[in-house]
Amino acid sequence: MTNNIVKKLTCALLAVTMTFSAWAISLDDAKQQGLIGEMQNGYLGLVVENVEAQSLVTSVNEKRKSIYLNLARKNNITMAQVTALAAEKALNKTQTGHFIQNAAGQWVKK
């Protein structure tokens, strides 16, 4: 990927974060409580079975997928490229003590 595309994707992914501001408290609370975490594929995952957390994960992931598809089309790249970049950004941005999914698919605290 060229630097220009990476810059566009980075800006768009920052916009994604802002898009979820309506859930910021709920999303943050769910992460603080260890109910959800960031997965290796750019989406949220359920760490602990919880109906409210599952609903949040589903809602956020639907919005992320829509944004990822638009980014892929707009930049003429694959969905896999977009989700890989999104995952990298999300995992790097995750606060210490919150859950992330490791390469083996296990939930670990960052």
Protein backbone atom coordinates (compact mmCIF):
# COMPACT_ATOMS: atom_id res chain seq x y z
CA MET A 1 0.00 0.00 0.00
CA THR A 2 1.24 3.46 -0.75
CA ASN A 3 1.74 6.03 1.99
CA ASN A 4 -1.19 8.02 0.60
CA ILE A 5 -3.60 5.10 1.01
CA VAL A 6 -2.26 4.36 4.49
CA LYS A 7 -2.80 8.01 5.47
CA LYS A 8 -6.35 7.94 4.07
CA LEU A 9 -7.12 4.73 5.93
CA THR A 10 -5.66 6.08 9.14
CA CYS A 11 -7.81 9.20 8.90
CA ALA A 12 -10.87 7.13 8.11
CA LEU A 13 -10.20 4.80 11.02
CA LEU A 14 -9.94 7.79 13.34
CA ALA A 15 -13.32 8.86 12.02
CA VAL A 16 -14.61 5.36 12.83
CA THR A 17 -13.55 5.86 16.43
CA MET A 18 -15.43 9.14 16.57
CA THR A 19 -18.48 7.53 14.98
CA PHE A 20 -18.80 5.29 18.01
CA SER A 21 -18.76 8.17 20.48
CA ALA A 22 -22.44 7.56 21.24
CA TRP A 23 -21.34 4.24 22.73
CA ALA A 24 -18.13 5.58 24.26
CA ILE A 25 -19.29 5.11 27.85
CA SER A 26 -20.91 1.72 27.24
CA LEU A 27 -18.04 0.52 25.06
CA ASP A 28 -15.47 1.74 27.56
CA ASP A 29 -17.41 0.21 30.46
CA ALA A 30 -17.63 -3.13 28.67
CA LYS A 31 -13.89 -3.07 28.00
CA GLN A 32 -13.11 -1.97 31.57
CA GLN A 33 -15.22 -4.83 32.92
CA GLY A 34 -13.44 -7.33 30.67
CA LEU A 35 -16.61 -8.26 28.80
CA ILE A 36 -15.35 -7.42 25.30
CA GLY A 37 -12.05 -7.00 23.54
CA GLU A 38 -10.42 -6.24 20.22
CA MET A 39 -9.89 -9.17 17.90
CA GLN A 40 -7.15 -9.82 15.33
CA ASN A 41 -9.63 -9.24 12.47
CA GLY A 42 -10.52 -5.60 13.22
CA TYR A 43 -13.75 -6.36 15.02
CA LEU A 44 -14.84 -6.56 18.65
CA GLY A 45 -15.29 -9.91 20.31
CA LEU A 46 -17.15 -11.17 23.35
CA VAL A 47 -14.79 -12.21 26.16
CA VAL A 48 -17.51 -13.09 28.69
CA GLU A 49 -21.06 -14.15 27.88
CA ASN A 50 -23.26 -11.15 28.55
CA VAL A 51 -26.43 -10.15 26.69
CA GLU A 52 -25.79 -6.40 26.82
CA ALA A 53 -22.17 -6.80 25.75
CA GLN A 54 -23.21 -9.10 22.89
CA SER A 55 -25.69 -6.52 21.67
CA LEU A 56 -23.00 -3.83 21.77
CA VAL A 57 -20.50 -6.05 19.93
CA THR A 58 -23.03 -6.85 17.22
CA SER A 59 -24.01 -3.22 16.75
CA VAL A 60 -20.44 -1.88 16.65
CA ASN A 61 -19.25 -4.66 14.36
CA GLU A 62 -22.06 -4.03 11.87
CA LYS A 63 -21.03 -0.38 11.70
CA ARG A 64 -17.34 -1.26 11.43
CA LYS A 65 -18.05 -3.66 8.58
CA SER A 66 -19.97 -1.01 6.67
CA ILE A 67 -17.15 1.49 7.14
CA TYR A 68 -14.51 -1.09 6.19
CA LEU A 69 -16.39 -1.97 2.99
CA ASN A 70 -16.63 1.70 2.04
CA LEU A 71 -12.92 2.21 2.71
CA ALA A 72 -12.01 -0.83 0.61
CA ARG A 73 -14.15 0.34 -2.32
CA LYS A 74 -13.02 3.95 -2.09
CA ASN A 75 -9.33 3.04 -1.99
CA ASN A 76 -9.58 0.08 -4.40
CA ILE A 77 -8.07 -2.34 -1.89
CA THR A 78 -9.29 -5.58 -0.39
CA MET A 79 -11.42 -5.92 2.69
CA ALA A 80 -8.60 -8.01 4.17
CA GLN A 81 -6.20 -5.08 3.80
CA VAL A 82 -8.64 -2.72 5.52
CA THR A 83 -9.40 -5.09 8.39
CA ALA A 84 -5.70 -5.86 8.90
CA LEU A 85 -4.92 -2.16 9.23
CA ALA A 86 -7.95 -1.60 11.46
CA ALA A 87 -6.94 -4.51 13.70
CA GLU A 88 -3.39 -3.21 14.00
CA LYS A 89 -4.62 0.27 14.94
CA ALA A 90 -7.22 -1.04 17.40
CA LEU A 91 -4.83 -3.44 19.11
CA ASN A 92 -2.15 -0.75 19.44
CA LYS A 93 -4.72 1.70 20.79
CA THR A 94 -6.14 -0.73 23.37
CA GLN A 95 -5.45 0.34 26.93
CA THR A 96 -3.29 -1.73 29.24
CA GLY A 97 -5.48 -4.15 31.19
CA HIS A 98 -8.10 -4.45 28.45
CA PHE A 99 -8.52 -7.68 26.53
CA ILE A 100 -7.12 -8.36 23.08
CA GLN A 101 -7.15 -11.54 21.08
CA ASN A 102 -3.70 -13.02 20.46
CA ALA A 103 -2.61 -14.75 17.25
CA ALA A 104 -3.84 -18.11 18.65
CA GLY A 105 -7.32 -16.65 19.19
CA GLN A 106 -7.05 -16.56 22.99
CA TRP A 107 -8.12 -13.57 25.07
CA VAL A 108 -5.24 -11.96 26.94
CA LYS A 109 -4.88 -8.72 28.87
CA LYS A 110 -2.72 -6.19 27.13
